[in-house]
């Protein structure tokens, strides 16, 4: 998502490390690692890290200007699989909840 945003805007960044564990990124930043990108869903962990202190270095969060990407999420299952009724109910409930959010305009 970030790469697509940067391609449209033009700037390049010198990325020295990519991890799939975002919590490690912001913990490294708290220990004076230069900077990191963070999805908004991980911000509660960043705020909690700031409250706990430990390193004495607080993290500052700056939103990326005009960043309108959303993080897609999919429920994937085998279409020919026969599920128990409670699983079918769970998937139906997930669809209903997600449909409510899909009705809102994307930021």
PDB file of N, CA and C in Angstrom:
ATOM      1  N   UNK A   1       0.831  -1.194   0.000  1.00  0.00           N
ATOM      2  CA  UNK A   1       0.000   0.000   0.000  1.00  0.00           C
ATOM      3  C   UNK A   1       0.871   1.251   0.000  1.00  0.00           C
ATOM      4  N   UNK A   2       1.895   1.228   0.827  1.00  0.00           N
ATOM      5  CA  UNK A   2       2.790   2.381   0.904  1.00  0.00           C
ATOM      6  C   UNK A   2       3.565   2.560  -0.397  1.00  0.00           C
ATOM      7  N   UNK A   3       4.012   1.467  -0.964  1.00  0.00           N
ATOM      8  CA  UNK A   3       4.752   1.560  -2.225  1.00  0.00           C
ATOM      9  C   UNK A   3       3.893   2.172  -3.329  1.00  0.00           C
ATOM     10  N   UNK A   4       2.623   1.783  -3.415  1.00  0.00           N
ATOM     11  CA  UNK A   4       1.718   2.368  -4.422  1.00  0.00           C
ATOM     12  C   UNK A   4       1.546   3.865  -4.172  1.00  0.00           C
ATOM     13  N   UNK A   5       1.401   4.237  -2.917  1.00  0.00           N
ATOM     14  CA  UNK A   5       1.240   5.655  -2.571  1.00  0.00           C
ATOM     15  C   UNK A   5       2.491   6.440  -2.977  1.00  0.00           C
ATOM     16  N   UNK A   6       3.648   5.915  -2.666  1.00  0.00           N
ATOM     17  CA  UNK A   6       4.891   6.606  -3.000  1.00  0.00           C
ATOM     18  C   UNK A   6       5.104   6.694  -4.512  1.00  0.00           C
ATOM     19  N   UNK A   7       4.720   5.650  -5.241  1.00  0.00           N
ATOM     20  CA  UNK A   7       4.854   5.691  -6.700  1.00  0.00           C
ATOM     21  C   UNK A   7       4.012   6.810  -7.292  1.00  0.00           C
ATOM     22  N   UNK A   8       2.804   7.002  -6.754  1.00  0.00           N
ATOM     23  CA  UNK A   8       1.936   8.077  -7.260  1.00  0.00           C
ATOM     24  C   UNK A   8       2.472   9.452  -6.892  1.00  0.00           C
ATOM     25  N   UNK A   9       3.058   9.575  -5.715  1.00  0.00           N
ATOM     26  CA  UNK A   9       3.514  10.875  -5.231  1.00  0.00           C
ATOM     27  C   UNK A   9       4.931  11.220  -5.674  1.00  0.00           C
ATOM     28  N   UNK A  10       5.760  10.197  -5.955  1.00  0.00           N
ATOM     29  CA  UNK A  10       7.093  10.476  -6.470  1.00  0.00           C
ATOM     30  C   UNK A  10       8.265  10.259  -5.530  1.00  0.00           C
ATOM     31  N   UNK A  11       8.137  10.408  -4.215  1.00  0.00           N
ATOM     32  CA  UNK A  11       9.336  10.275  -3.387  1.00  0.00           C
ATOM     33  C   UNK A  11       9.795   8.820  -3.263  1.00  0.00           C
ATOM     34  N   UNK A  12      11.051   8.662  -2.952  1.00  0.00           N
ATOM     35  CA  UNK A  12      11.600   7.338  -2.683  1.00  0.00           C
ATOM     36  C   UNK A  12      12.130   7.330  -1.255  1.00  0.00           C
ATOM     37  N   UNK A  13      12.150   6.164  -0.664  1.00  0.00           N
ATOM     38  CA  UNK A  13      12.697   6.041   0.690  1.00  0.00           C
ATOM     39  C   UNK A  13      13.778   4.974   0.678  1.00  0.00           C
ATOM     40  N   UNK A  14      14.709   5.105   1.571  1.00  0.00           N
ATOM     41  CA  UNK A  14      15.776   4.130   1.724  1.00  0.00           C
ATOM     42  C   UNK A  14      15.361   3.164   2.829  1.00  0.00           C
ATOM     43  N   UNK A  15      14.749   2.069   2.437  1.00  0.00           N
ATOM     44  CA  UNK A  15      14.265   1.088   3.393  1.00  0.00           C
ATOM     45  C   UNK A  15      15.406   0.134   3.735  1.00  0.00           C
ATOM     46  N   UNK A  16      15.780   0.092   5.005  1.00  0.00           N
ATOM     47  CA  UNK A  16      16.891  -0.772   5.410  1.00  0.00           C
ATOM     48  C   UNK A  16      16.428  -2.080   6.038  1.00  0.00           C
ATOM     49  N   UNK A  17      15.121  -2.185   6.320  1.00  0.00           N
ATOM     50  CA  UNK A  17      14.635  -3.396   6.960  1.00  0.00           C
ATOM     51  C   UNK A  17      13.137  -3.531   6.742  1.00  0.00           C
ATOM     52  N   UNK A  18      12.691  -4.722   6.430  1.00  0.00           N
ATOM     53  CA  UNK A  18      11.259  -4.995   6.338  1.00  0.00           C
ATOM     54  C   UNK A  18      10.960  -6.211   7.195  1.00  0.00           C
ATOM     55  N   UNK A  19      10.004  -6.055   8.080  1.00  0.00           N
ATOM     56  CA  UNK A  19       9.582  -7.149   8.952  1.00  0.00           C
ATOM     57  C   UNK A  19       8.090  -7.358   8.808  1.00  0.00           C
ATOM     58  N   UNK A  20       7.653  -8.567   9.040  1.00  0.00           N
ATOM     59  CA  UNK A  20       6.212  -8.831   9.012  1.00  0.00           C
ATOM     60  C   UNK A  20       5.593  -8.667  10.394  1.00  0.00           C
ATOM     61  N   UNK A  21       6.410  -8.412  11.409  1.00  0.00           N
ATOM     62  CA  UNK A  21       5.910  -8.211  12.766  1.00  0.00           C
ATOM     63  C   UNK A  21       5.968  -6.724  13.109  1.00  0.00           C
ATOM     64  N   UNK A  22       4.848  -6.008  12.941  1.00  0.00           N
ATOM     65  CA  UNK A  22       4.873  -4.564  13.178  1.00  0.00           C
ATOM     66  C   UNK A  22       5.216  -4.190  14.611  1.00  0.00           C
ATOM     67  N   UNK A  23       4.879  -5.028  15.582  1.00  0.00           N
ATOM     68  CA  UNK A  23       5.199  -4.691  16.968  1.00  0.00           C
ATOM     69  C   UNK A  23       6.699  -4.591  17.181  1.00  0.00           C
ATOM     70  N   UNK A  24       7.473  -5.379  16.439  1.00  0.00           N
ATOM     71  CA  UNK A  24       8.931  -5.291  16.539  1.00  0.00           C
ATOM     72  C   UNK A  24       9.411  -3.958  15.984  1.00  0.00           C
ATOM     73  N   UNK A  25       8.793  -3.483  14.907  1.00  0.00           N
ATOM     74  CA  UNK A  25       9.169  -2.186  14.324  1.00  0.00           C
ATOM     75  C   UNK A  25       9.031  -1.069  15.346  1.00  0.00           C
ATOM     76  N   UNK A  26       7.864  -0.952  15.986  1.00  0.00           N
ATOM     77  CA  UNK A  26       7.739   0.190  16.889  1.00  0.00           C
ATOM     78  C   UNK A  26       8.506  -0.003  18.176  1.00  0.00           C
ATOM     79  N   UNK A  27       8.800  -1.226  18.553  1.00  0.00           N
ATOM     80  CA  UNK A  27       9.694  -1.422  19.708  1.00  0.00           C
ATOM     81  C   UNK A  27      11.122  -0.997  19.360  1.00  0.00           C
ATOM     82  N   UNK A  28      11.540  -1.286  18.116  1.00  0.00           N
ATOM     83  CA  UNK A  28      12.858  -0.822  17.681  1.00  0.00           C
ATOM     84  C   UNK A  28      12.908   0.698  17.654  1.00  0.00           C
ATOM     85  N   UNK A  29      11.827   1.327  17.189  1.00  0.00           N
ATOM     86  CA  UNK A  29      11.784   2.792  17.162  1.00  0.00           C
ATOM     87  C   UNK A  29      11.888   3.369  18.568  1.00  0.00           C
ATOM     88  N   UNK A  30      11.277   2.716  19.529  1.00  0.00           N
ATOM     89  CA  UNK A  30      11.360   3.184  20.912  1.00  0.00           C
ATOM     90  C   UNK A  30      12.788   3.074  21.446  1.00  0.00           C
ATOM     91  N   UNK A  31      13.584   2.225  20.814  1.00  0.00           N
ATOM     92  CA  UNK A  31      14.994   2.066  21.206  1.00  0.00           C
ATOM     93  C   UNK A  31      15.920   2.814  20.261  1.00  0.00           C
ATOM     94  N   UNK A  32      15.401   3.859  19.619  1.00  0.00           N
ATOM     95  CA  UNK A  32      16.170   4.768  18.775  1.00  0.00           C
ATOM     96  C   UNK A  32      16.466   4.267  17.368  1.00  0.00           C
ATOM     97  N   UNK A  33      15.711   3.293  16.878  1.00  0.00           N
ATOM     98  CA  UNK A  33      15.724   2.953  15.457  1.00  0.00           C
ATOM     99  C   UNK A  33      15.075   4.138  14.761  1.00  0.00           C
ATOM    100  N   UNK A  34      15.586   4.604  13.624  1.00  0.00           N
ATOM    101  CA  UNK A  34      15.143   5.891  13.083  1.00  0.00           C
ATOM    102  C   UNK A  34      13.637   6.099  12.948  1.00  0.00           C
ATOM    103  N   UNK A  35      12.931   5.261  12.176  1.00  0.00           N
ATOM    104  CA  UNK A  35      11.506   5.486  11.931  1.00  0.00           C
ATOM    105  C   UNK A  35      10.887   4.210  11.390  1.00  0.00           C
ATOM    106  N   UNK A  36       9.566   4.178  11.416  1.00  0.00           N
ATOM    107  CA  UNK A  36       8.846   3.019  10.925  1.00  0.00           C
ATOM    108  C   UNK A  36       7.469   3.445  10.441  1.00  0.00           C
ATOM    109  N   UNK A  37       6.885   2.664   9.556  1.00  0.00           N
ATOM    110  CA  UNK A  37       5.506   2.876   9.136  1.00  0.00           C
ATOM    111  C   UNK A  37       4.628   1.913   9.916  1.00  0.00           C
ATOM    112  N   UNK A  38       3.426   2.357  10.201  1.00  0.00           N
ATOM    113  CA  UNK A  38       2.544   1.571  11.057  1.00  0.00           C
ATOM    114  C   UNK A  38       1.108   1.695  10.570  1.00  0.00           C
ATOM    115  N   UNK A  39       0.423   0.568  10.404  1.00  0.00           N
ATOM    116  CA  UNK A  39      -1.000   0.621  10.090  1.00  0.00           C
ATOM    117  C   UNK A  39      -1.758   1.136  11.311  1.00  0.00           C
ATOM    118  N   UNK A  40      -2.846   1.829  11.065  1.00  0.00           N
ATOM    119  CA  UNK A  40      -3.595   2.416  12.178  1.00  0.00           C
ATOM    120  C   UNK A  40      -4.098   1.373  13.165  1.00  0.00           C
ATOM    121  N   UNK A  41      -4.303   0.138  12.720  1.00  0.00           N
ATOM    122  CA  UNK A  41      -4.791  -0.884  13.637  1.00  0.00           C
ATOM    123  C   UNK A  41      -3.755  -1.234  14.703  1.00  0.00           C
ATOM    124  N   UNK A  42      -2.490  -0.856  14.495  1.00  0.00           N
ATOM    125  CA  UNK A  42      -1.447  -1.115  15.482  1.00  0.00           C
ATOM    126  C   UNK A  42      -1.181   0.081  16.398  1.00  0.00           C
ATOM    127  N   UNK A  43      -1.845   1.188  16.185  1.00  0.00           N
ATOM    128  CA  UNK A  43      -1.592   2.376  17.004  1.00  0.00           C
ATOM    129  C   UNK A  43      -1.901   2.164  18.483  1.00  0.00           C
ATOM    130  N   UNK A  44      -2.917   1.393  18.867  1.00  0.00           N
ATOM    131  CA  UNK A  44      -3.103   1.158  20.305  1.00  0.00           C
ATOM    132  C   UNK A  44      -1.862   0.560  20.967  1.00  0.00           C
ATOM    133  N   UNK A  45      -1.153  -0.313  20.254  1.00  0.00           N
ATOM    134  CA  UNK A  45       0.086  -0.871  20.798  1.00  0.00           C
ATOM    135  C   UNK A  45       1.171   0.180  20.943  1.00  0.00           C
ATOM    136  N   UNK A  46       1.230   1.116  19.997  1.00  0.00           N
ATOM    137  CA  UNK A  46       2.198   2.209  20.079  1.00  0.00           C
ATOM    138  C   UNK A  46       1.876   3.089  21.283  1.00  0.00           C
ATOM    139  N   UNK A  47       0.598   3.432  21.450  1.00  0.00           N
ATOM    140  CA  UNK A  47       0.194   4.260  22.587  1.00  0.00           C
ATOM    141  C   UNK A  47       0.457   3.553  23.907  1.00  0.00           C
ATOM    142  N   UNK A  48       0.233   2.242  23.938  1.00  0.00           N
ATOM    143  CA  UNK A  48       0.501   1.481  25.157  1.00  0.00           C
ATOM    144  C   UNK A  48       1.995   1.472  25.461  1.00  0.00           C
ATOM    145  N   UNK A  49       2.812   1.309  24.443  1.00  0.00           N
ATOM    146  CA  UNK A  49       4.258   1.341  24.629  1.00  0.00           C
ATOM    147  C   UNK A  49       4.699   2.689  25.185  1.00  0.00           C
ATOM    148  N   UNK A  50       4.094   3.771  24.698  1.00  0.00           N
ATOM    149  CA  UNK A  50       4.413   5.100  25.228  1.00  0.00           C
ATOM    150  C   UNK A  50       4.041   5.208  26.698  1.00  0.00           C
ATOM    151  N   UNK A  51       2.906   4.640  27.079  1.00  0.00           N
ATOM    152  CA  UNK A  51       2.467   4.711  28.479  1.00  0.00           C
ATOM    153  C   UNK A  51       3.366   3.891  29.396  1.00  0.00           C
ATOM    154  N   UNK A  52       3.824   2.739  28.909  1.00  0.00           N
ATOM    155  CA  UNK A  52       4.661   1.875  29.730  1.00  0.00           C
ATOM    156  C   UNK A  52       6.069   2.426  29.896  1.00  0.00           C
ATOM    157  N   UNK A  53       6.490   3.231  28.939  1.00  0.00           N
ATOM    158  CA  UNK A  53       7.837   3.803  29.007  1.00  0.00           C
ATOM    159  C   UNK A  53       8.870   2.718  28.783  1.00  0.00           C
ATOM    160  N   UNK A  54       9.749   2.545  29.744  1.00  0.00           N
ATOM    161  CA  UNK A  54      10.785   1.514  29.627  1.00  0.00           C
ATOM    162  C   UNK A  54      12.047   2.055  29.000  1.00  0.00           C
ATOM    163  N   UNK A  55      11.975   2.456  27.757  1.00  0.00           N
ATOM    164  CA  UNK A  55      13.170   2.945  27.066  1.00  0.00           C
ATOM    165  C   UNK A  55      13.418   4.424  27.335  1.00  0.00           C
ATOM    166  N   UNK A  56      12.393   5.120  27.813  1.00  0.00           N
ATOM    167  CA  UNK A  56      12.530   6.554  28.032  1.00  0.00           C
ATOM    168  C   UNK A  56      12.349   7.359  26.754  1.00  0.00           C
ATOM    169  N   UNK A  57      12.128   6.687  25.655  1.00  0.00           N
ATOM    170  CA  UNK A  57      11.952   7.347  24.373  1.00  0.00           C
ATOM    171  C   UNK A  57      10.509   7.180  23.919  1.00  0.00           C
ATOM    172  N   UNK A  58       9.783   8.292  23.797  1.00  0.00           N
ATOM    173  CA  UNK A  58       8.383   8.229  23.368  1.00  0.00           C
ATOM    174  C   UNK A  58       8.299   8.258  21.853  1.00  0.00           C
ATOM    175  N   UNK A  59       7.325   7.533  21.334  1.00  0.00           N
ATOM    176  CA  UNK A  59       7.112   7.504  19.893  1.00  0.00           C
ATOM    177  C   UNK A  59       6.105   8.579  19.508  1.00  0.00           C
ATOM    178  N   UNK A  60       6.342   9.238  18.400  1.00  0.00           N
ATOM    179  CA  UNK A  60       5.437  10.251  17.873  1.00  0.00           C
ATOM    180  C   UNK A  60       4.820   9.703  16.589  1.00  0.00           C
ATOM    181  N   UNK A  61       3.523   9.898  16.434  1.00  0.00           N
ATOM    182  CA  UNK A  61       2.790   9.364  15.288  1.00  0.00           C
ATOM    183  C   UNK A  61       2.404  10.514  14.374  1.00  0.00           C
ATOM    184  N   UNK A  62       2.778  10.402  13.109  1.00  0.00           N
ATOM    185  CA  UNK A  62       2.439  11.402  12.112  1.00  0.00           C
ATOM    186  C   UNK A  62       1.710  10.721  10.967  1.00  0.00           C
ATOM    187  N   UNK A  63       0.467  11.081  10.711  1.00  0.00           N
ATOM    188  CA  UNK A  63      -0.233  10.476   9.572  1.00  0.00           C
ATOM    189  C   UNK A  63       0.409  10.901   8.257  1.00  0.00           C
ATOM    190  N   UNK A  64       0.325  10.037   7.269  1.00  0.00           N
ATOM    191  CA  UNK A  64       0.876  10.326   5.948  1.00  0.00           C
ATOM    192  C   UNK A  64      -0.165  11.115   5.165  1.00  0.00           C
ATOM    193  N   UNK A  65       0.228  12.279   4.688  1.00  0.00           N
ATOM    194  CA  UNK A  65      -0.695  13.161   3.976  1.00  0.00           C
ATOM    195  C   UNK A  65      -1.265  12.479   2.736  1.00  0.00           C
ATOM    196  N   UNK A  66      -2.575  12.580   2.574  1.00  0.00           N
ATOM    197  CA  UNK A  66      -3.304  12.055   1.420  1.00  0.00           C
ATOM    198  C   UNK A  66      -3.188  10.547   1.246  1.00  0.00           C
ATOM    199  N   UNK A  67      -2.885   9.830   2.312  1.00  0.00           N
ATOM    200  CA  UNK A  67      -2.818   8.368   2.238  1.00  0.00           C
ATOM    201  C   UNK A  67      -4.229   7.831   2.406  1.00  0.00           C
ATOM    202  N   UNK A  68      -4.806   7.326   1.330  1.00  0.00           N
ATOM    203  CA  UNK A  68      -6.209   6.902   1.323  1.00  0.00           C
ATOM    204  C   UNK A  68      -6.377   5.393   1.186  1.00  0.00           C
ATOM    205  N   UNK A  69      -5.303   4.652   1.281  1.00  0.00           N
ATOM    206  CA  UNK A  69      -5.369   3.200   1.107  1.00  0.00           C
ATOM    207  C   UNK A  69      -6.095   2.554   2.292  1.00  0.00           C
ATOM    208  N   UNK A  70      -6.735   1.445   2.022  1.00  0.00           N
ATOM    209  CA  UNK A  70      -7.355   0.655   3.088  1.00  0.00           C
ATOM    210  C   UNK A  70      -6.702  -0.720   3.095  1.00  0.00           C
ATOM    211  N   UNK A  71      -6.723  -1.342   4.237  1.00  0.00           N
ATOM    212  CA  UNK A  71      -6.123  -2.654   4.388  1.00  0.00           C
ATOM    213  C   UNK A  71      -7.194  -3.712   4.167  1.00  0.00           C
ATOM    214  N   UNK A  72      -7.177  -4.382   3.002  1.00  0.00           N
ATOM    215  CA  UNK A  72      -8.234  -5.363   2.727  1.00  0.00           C
ATOM    216  C   UNK A  72      -8.112  -6.590   3.622  1.00  0.00           C
ATOM    217  N   UNK A  73      -9.245  -7.139   3.943  1.00  0.00           N
ATOM    218  CA  UNK A  73      -9.302  -8.335   4.771  1.00  0.00           C
ATOM    219  C   UNK A  73     -10.299  -9.284   4.129  1.00  0.00           C
ATOM    220  N   UNK A  74      -9.951 -10.550   4.040  1.00  0.00           N
ATOM    221  CA  UNK A  74     -10.821 -11.521   3.374  1.00  0.00           C
ATOM    222  C   UNK A  74     -11.037 -12.731   4.259  1.00  0.00           C
ATOM    223  N   UNK A  75     -12.228 -13.249   4.195  1.00  0.00           N
ATOM    224  CA  UNK A  75     -12.537 -14.531   4.822  1.00  0.00           C
ATOM    225  C   UNK A  75     -12.518 -15.555   3.692  1.00  0.00           C
ATOM    226  N   UNK A  76     -11.656 -16.532   3.805  1.00  0.00           N
ATOM    227  CA  UNK A  76     -11.480 -17.507   2.729  1.00  0.00           C
ATOM    228  C   UNK A  76     -11.849 -18.889   3.255  1.00  0.00           C
ATOM    229  N   UNK A  77     -12.645 -19.587   2.482  1.00  0.00           N
ATOM    230  CA  UNK A  77     -13.005 -20.952   2.846  1.00  0.00           C
ATOM    231  C   UNK A  77     -13.291 -21.750   1.584  1.00  0.00           C
ATOM    232  N   UNK A  78     -13.236 -23.047   1.704  1.00  0.00           N
ATOM    233  CA  UNK A  78     -13.481 -23.940   0.571  1.00  0.00           C
ATOM    234  C   UNK A  78     -14.966 -23.925   0.249  1.00  0.00           C
ATOM    235  N   UNK A  79     -15.312 -23.594  -1.006  1.00  0.00           N
ATOM    236  CA  UNK A  79     -16.717 -23.398  -1.364  1.00  0.00           C
ATOM    237  C   UNK A  79     -17.536 -24.684  -1.300  1.00  0.00           C
ATOM    238  N   UNK A  80     -16.923 -25.856  -1.452  1.00  0.00           N
ATOM    239  CA  UNK A  80     -17.664 -27.110  -1.429  1.00  0.00           C
ATOM    240  C   UNK A  80     -17.670 -27.779  -0.051  1.00  0.00           C
ATOM    241  N   UNK A  81     -17.037 -27.154   0.910  1.00  0.00           N
ATOM    242  CA  UNK A  81     -16.975 -27.719   2.261  1.00  0.00           C
ATOM    243  C   UNK A  81     -18.324 -27.551   2.953  1.00  0.00           C
ATOM    244  N   UNK A  82     -18.744 -28.581   3.646  1.00  0.00           N
ATOM    245  CA  UNK A  82     -19.989 -28.511   4.425  1.00  0.00           C
ATOM    246  C   UNK A  82     -19.601 -28.205   5.867  1.00  0.00           C
ATOM    247  N   UNK A  83     -20.064 -27.048   6.342  1.00  0.00           N
ATOM    248  CA  UNK A  83     -19.725 -26.604   7.687  1.00  0.00           C
ATOM    249  C   UNK A  83     -20.869 -26.902   8.654  1.00  0.00           C
ATOM    250  N   UNK A  84     -20.547 -27.053   9.938  1.00  0.00           N
ATOM    251  CA  UNK A  84     -21.614 -27.181  10.930  1.00  0.00           C
ATOM    252  C   UNK A  84     -22.413 -25.883  11.000  1.00  0.00           C
ATOM    253  N   UNK A  85     -23.600 -25.944  11.535  1.00  0.00           N
ATOM    254  CA  UNK A  85     -24.486 -24.773  11.557  1.00  0.00           C
ATOM    255  C   UNK A  85     -23.868 -23.587  12.290  1.00  0.00           C
ATOM    256  N   UNK A  86     -23.117 -23.838  13.374  1.00  0.00           N
ATOM    257  CA  UNK A  86     -22.519 -22.719  14.114  1.00  0.00           C
ATOM    258  C   UNK A  86     -21.479 -21.988  13.269  1.00  0.00           C
ATOM    259  N   UNK A  87     -20.759 -22.714  12.395  1.00  0.00           N
ATOM    260  CA  UNK A  87     -19.791 -22.069  11.506  1.00  0.00           C
ATOM    261  C   UNK A  87     -20.516 -21.255  10.445  1.00  0.00           C
ATOM    262  N   UNK A  88     -21.596 -21.802   9.914  1.00  0.00           N
ATOM    263  CA  UNK A  88     -22.394 -21.062   8.933  1.00  0.00           C
ATOM    264  C   UNK A  88     -22.968 -19.799   9.567  1.00  0.00           C
ATOM    265  N   UNK A  89     -23.440 -19.899  10.820  1.00  0.00           N
ATOM    266  CA  UNK A  89     -23.955 -18.727  11.531  1.00  0.00           C
ATOM    267  C   UNK A  89     -22.858 -17.680  11.737  1.00  0.00           C
ATOM    268  N   UNK A  90     -21.667 -18.146  12.079  1.00  0.00           N
ATOM    269  CA  UNK A  90     -20.545 -17.243  12.286  1.00  0.00           C
ATOM    270  C   UNK A  90     -20.198 -16.496  10.991  1.00  0.00           C
ATOM    271  N   UNK A  91     -20.140 -17.208   9.878  1.00  0.00           N
ATOM    272  CA  UNK A  91     -19.816 -16.564   8.596  1.00  0.00           C
ATOM    273  C   UNK A  91     -20.910 -15.583   8.191  1.00  0.00           C
ATOM    274  N   UNK A  92     -22.154 -15.924   8.454  1.00  0.00           N
ATOM    275  CA  UNK A  92     -23.263 -15.012   8.152  1.00  0.00           C
ATOM    276  C   UNK A  92     -23.152 -13.745   9.003  1.00  0.00           C
ATOM    277  N   UNK A  93     -22.840 -13.907  10.266  1.00  0.00           N
ATOM    278  CA  UNK A  93     -22.671 -12.763  11.166  1.00  0.00           C
ATOM    279  C   UNK A  93     -21.518 -11.874  10.700  1.00  0.00           C
ATOM    280  N   UNK A  94     -20.413 -12.472  10.306  1.00  0.00           N
ATOM    281  CA  UNK A  94     -19.274 -11.695   9.792  1.00  0.00           C
ATOM    282  C   UNK A  94     -19.663 -10.884   8.560  1.00  0.00           C
ATOM    283  N   UNK A  95     -20.387 -11.515   7.647  1.00  0.00           N
ATOM    284  CA  UNK A  95     -20.824 -10.797   6.438  1.00  0.00           C
ATOM    285  C   UNK A  95     -21.705  -9.606   6.799  1.00  0.00           C
ATOM    286  N   UNK A  96     -22.645  -9.810   7.725  1.00  0.00           N
ATOM    287  CA  UNK A  96     -23.546  -8.723   8.132  1.00  0.00           C
ATOM    288  C   UNK A  96     -22.765  -7.574   8.749  1.00  0.00           C
ATOM    289  N   UNK A  97     -21.838  -7.889   9.614  1.00  0.00           N
ATOM    290  CA  UNK A  97     -21.041  -6.839  10.269  1.00  0.00           C
ATOM    291  C   UNK A  97     -20.183  -6.109   9.244  1.00  0.00           C
ATOM    292  N   UNK A  98     -19.524  -6.848   8.375  1.00  0.00           N
ATOM    293  CA  UNK A  98     -18.660  -6.226   7.367  1.00  0.00           C
ATOM    294  C   UNK A  98     -19.468  -5.401   6.371  1.00  0.00           C
ATOM    295  N   UNK A  99     -20.661  -5.863   6.027  1.00  0.00           N
ATOM    296  CA  UNK A  99     -21.504  -5.094   5.108  1.00  0.00           C
ATOM    297  C   UNK A  99     -21.855  -3.730   5.685  1.00  0.00           C
ATOM    298  N   UNK A 100     -22.018  -3.651   6.992  1.00  0.00           N
ATOM    299  CA  UNK A 100     -22.314  -2.347   7.626  1.00  0.00           C
ATOM    300  C   UNK A 100     -21.165  -1.366   7.408  1.00  0.00           C
ATOM    301  N   UNK A 101     -19.951  -1.847   7.514  1.00  0.00           N
ATOM    302  CA  UNK A 101     -18.797  -0.970   7.325  1.00  0.00           C
ATOM    303  C   UNK A 101     -18.587  -0.636   5.858  1.00  0.00           C
ATOM    304  N   UNK A 102     -18.909  -1.561   4.983  1.00  0.00           N
ATOM    305  CA  UNK A 102     -18.733  -1.323   3.549  1.00  0.00           C
ATOM    306  C   UNK A 102     -19.665  -0.221   3.063  1.00  0.00           C
ATOM    307  N   UNK A 103     -20.742   0.045   3.806  1.00  0.00           N
ATOM    308  CA  UNK A 103     -21.692   1.083   3.414  1.00  0.00           C
ATOM    309  C   UNK A 103     -21.124   2.483   3.632  1.00  0.00           C
ATOM    310  N   UNK A 104     -20.084   2.597   4.484  1.00  0.00           N
ATOM    311  CA  UNK A 104     -19.485   3.907   4.747  1.00  0.00           C
ATOM    312  C   UNK A 104     -18.504   4.256   3.647  1.00  0.00           C
ATOM    313  N   UNK A 105     -18.426   5.529   3.281  1.00  0.00           N
ATOM    314  CA  UNK A 105     -17.440   5.924   2.275  1.00  0.00           C
ATOM    315  C   UNK A 105     -16.018   5.708   2.819  1.00  0.00           C
ATOM    316  N   UNK A 106     -15.153   5.279   1.957  1.00  0.00           N
ATOM    317  CA  UNK A 106     -13.768   5.038   2.364  1.00  0.00           C
ATOM    318  C   UNK A 106     -13.055   6.378   2.538  1.00  0.00           C
ATOM    319  N   UNK A 107     -12.144   6.455   3.533  1.00  0.00           N
ATOM    320  CA  UNK A 107     -11.419   7.727   3.764  1.00  0.00           C
ATOM    321  C   UNK A 107     -10.507   8.089   2.614  1.00  0.00           C
TER     322      UNK A 107
END
